[in-house]
Amino acid sequence: MKKFFNKWTRKFHRWIAIPTIIIIPLAVISKFSGAGAEHLPPQIEQFQSILMLLLVISGSYLYLIPYFTKWKRNRSKKTNNLLKSI
């Protein structure tokens, strides 16, 4: 189950990154091209914020996966060593 979740989190993160990569430059260009407030509707900015939040959550999880597994491996080694010493 854990590998399944990690695999789908990676896929989700990649697919969410694509519209984010498209929307952010469009928003920046429209904001700095004079009358930027009239170019993009507020729904696009809200959608952009939601995409960024999803990217932060999934990216943080993907970043921390190796640390979680290392912590779990070290924890199981300690318990195994304790059991062997008894």
C-alpha atoms as a PDB file:
ATOM      1  CA  MET A   1       0.000   0.000   0.000  1.00  0.00           C
ATOM      2  CA  LYS A   2       2.837   2.375   0.820  1.00  0.00           C
ATOM      3  CA  LYS A   3       4.547   1.905  -2.556  1.00  0.00           C
ATOM      4  CA  PHE A   4       1.196   2.346  -4.275  1.00  0.00           C
ATOM      5  CA  PHE A   5       0.604   5.633  -2.443  1.00  0.00           C
ATOM      6  CA  ASN A   6       4.130   6.874  -3.212  1.00  0.00           C
ATOM      7  CA  LYS A   7       3.730   6.003  -6.900  1.00  0.00           C
ATOM      8  CA  TRP A   8       0.417   7.806  -7.224  1.00  0.00           C
ATOM      9  CA  THR A   9       1.645  10.800  -5.257  1.00  0.00           C
ATOM     10  CA  ARG A  10       4.498  11.173  -7.754  1.00  0.00           C
ATOM     11  CA  LYS A  11       2.090  10.921 -10.701  1.00  0.00           C
ATOM     12  CA  PHE A  12      -0.299  13.392  -9.097  1.00  0.00           C
ATOM     13  CA  HIS A  13       2.549  15.822  -8.414  1.00  0.00           C
ATOM     14  CA  ARG A  14       3.746  15.630 -12.033  1.00  0.00           C
ATOM     15  CA  TRP A  15       0.290  16.173 -13.498  1.00  0.00           C
ATOM     16  CA  ILE A  16      -0.499  19.069 -11.173  1.00  0.00           C
ATOM     17  CA  ALA A  17       2.819  20.708 -12.100  1.00  0.00           C
ATOM     18  CA  ILE A  18       1.850  20.972 -15.783  1.00  0.00           C
ATOM     19  CA  PRO A  19      -1.088  23.404 -15.407  1.00  0.00           C
ATOM     20  CA  THR A  20       0.807  25.276 -12.708  1.00  0.00           C
ATOM     21  CA  ILE A  21       3.748  25.802 -15.057  1.00  0.00           C
ATOM     22  CA  ILE A  22       1.329  27.191 -17.636  1.00  0.00           C
ATOM     23  CA  ILE A  23      -0.759  29.404 -15.331  1.00  0.00           C
ATOM     24  CA  ILE A  24       2.012  31.076 -13.314  1.00  0.00           C
ATOM     25  CA  PRO A  25       3.861  32.680 -16.259  1.00  0.00           C
ATOM     26  CA  LEU A  26       0.531  33.785 -17.749  1.00  0.00           C
ATOM     27  CA  ALA A  27      -0.432  35.427 -14.470  1.00  0.00           C
ATOM     28  CA  VAL A  28       2.944  37.151 -14.108  1.00  0.00           C
ATOM     29  CA  ILE A  29       2.930  38.421 -17.698  1.00  0.00           C
ATOM     30  CA  SER A  30      -0.633  39.692 -17.425  1.00  0.00           C
ATOM     31  CA  LYS A  31       0.071  41.371 -14.091  1.00  0.00           C
ATOM     32  CA  PHE A  32       3.100  43.273 -15.402  1.00  0.00           C
ATOM     33  CA  SER A  33       1.696  44.142 -18.823  1.00  0.00           C
ATOM     34  CA  GLY A  34       0.003  47.374 -17.815  1.00  0.00           C
ATOM     35  CA  ALA A  35      -3.595  46.872 -16.756  1.00  0.00           C
ATOM     36  CA  GLY A  36      -3.107  43.388 -15.334  1.00  0.00           C
ATOM     37  CA  ALA A  37      -6.150  43.387 -13.081  1.00  0.00           C
ATOM     38  CA  GLU A  38      -8.488  43.254 -16.088  1.00  0.00           C
ATOM     39  CA  HIS A  39      -6.668  40.445 -17.897  1.00  0.00           C
ATOM     40  CA  LEU A  40      -7.117  37.480 -15.559  1.00  0.00           C
ATOM     41  CA  PRO A  41     -10.326  36.737 -13.687  1.00  0.00           C
ATOM     42  CA  PRO A  42      -9.997  36.152  -9.929  1.00  0.00           C
ATOM     43  CA  GLN A  43     -10.971  32.486 -10.399  1.00  0.00           C
ATOM     44  CA  ILE A  44      -7.675  31.888 -12.223  1.00  0.00           C
ATOM     45  CA  GLU A  45      -5.754  33.327  -9.290  1.00  0.00           C
ATOM     46  CA  GLN A  46      -7.714  31.140  -6.868  1.00  0.00           C
ATOM     47  CA  PHE A  47      -7.098  28.094  -9.054  1.00  0.00           C
ATOM     48  CA  GLN A  48      -3.416  28.982  -9.167  1.00  0.00           C
ATOM     49  CA  SER A  49      -3.323  29.175  -5.369  1.00  0.00           C
ATOM     50  CA  ILE A  50      -5.008  25.789  -5.025  1.00  0.00           C
ATOM     51  CA  LEU A  51      -2.556  24.220  -7.479  1.00  0.00           C
ATOM     52  CA  MET A  52       0.389  25.706  -5.602  1.00  0.00           C
ATOM     53  CA  LEU A  53      -0.966  24.383  -2.303  1.00  0.00           C
ATOM     54  CA  LEU A  54      -1.365  20.887  -3.763  1.00  0.00           C
ATOM     55  CA  LEU A  55       2.167  21.054  -5.159  1.00  0.00           C
ATOM     56  CA  VAL A  56       3.563  22.099  -1.785  1.00  0.00           C
ATOM     57  CA  ILE A  57       1.793  19.284   0.056  1.00  0.00           C
ATOM     58  CA  SER A  58       2.691  16.546  -2.425  1.00  0.00           C
ATOM     59  CA  GLY A  59       6.225  17.888  -2.918  1.00  0.00           C
ATOM     60  CA  SER A  60       6.845  18.011   0.822  1.00  0.00           C
ATOM     61  CA  TYR A  61       5.682  14.427   1.150  1.00  0.00           C
ATOM     62  CA  LEU A  62       7.898  13.304  -1.733  1.00  0.00           C
ATOM     63  CA  TYR A  63      10.842  15.172  -0.250  1.00  0.00           C
ATOM     64  CA  LEU A  64      10.396  13.553   3.162  1.00  0.00           C
ATOM     65  CA  ILE A  65       9.894   9.933   1.966  1.00  0.00           C
ATOM     66  CA  PRO A  66      13.625   9.021   2.157  1.00  0.00           C
ATOM     67  CA  TYR A  67      13.881  10.495   5.652  1.00  0.00           C
ATOM     68  CA  PHE A  68      10.821   8.530   6.813  1.00  0.00           C
ATOM     69  CA  THR A  69      12.217   5.270   5.469  1.00  0.00           C
ATOM     70  CA  LYS A  70      15.651   5.922   6.976  1.00  0.00           C
ATOM     71  CA  TRP A  71      14.068   6.709  10.359  1.00  0.00           C
ATOM     72  CA  LYS A  72      11.936   3.568  10.179  1.00  0.00           C
ATOM     73  CA  ARG A  73      14.919   1.407   9.142  1.00  0.00           C
ATOM     74  CA  ASN A  74      17.052   2.730  12.010  1.00  0.00           C
ATOM     75  CA  ARG A  75      14.201   2.213  14.431  1.00  0.00           C
ATOM     76  CA  SER A  76      13.743  -1.413  13.366  1.00  0.00           C
ATOM     77  CA  LYS A  77      17.513  -2.015  13.604  1.00  0.00           C
ATOM     78  CA  LYS A  78      17.504  -0.744  17.185  1.00  0.00           C
ATOM     79  CA  THR A  79      14.625  -3.011  18.153  1.00  0.00           C
ATOM     80  CA  ASN A  80      16.309  -5.974  16.455  1.00  0.00           C
ATOM     81  CA  ASN A  81      19.544  -5.257  18.308  1.00  0.00           C
ATOM     82  CA  LEU A  82      17.660  -5.037  21.585  1.00  0.00           C
ATOM     83  CA  LEU A  83      15.943  -8.356  20.931  1.00  0.00           C
ATOM     84  CA  LYS A  84      19.237 -10.035  20.005  1.00  0.00           C
ATOM     85  CA  SER A  85      20.925  -8.816  23.180  1.00  0.00           C
ATOM     86  CA  ILE A  86      18.211 -10.332  25.385  1.00  0.00           C
END
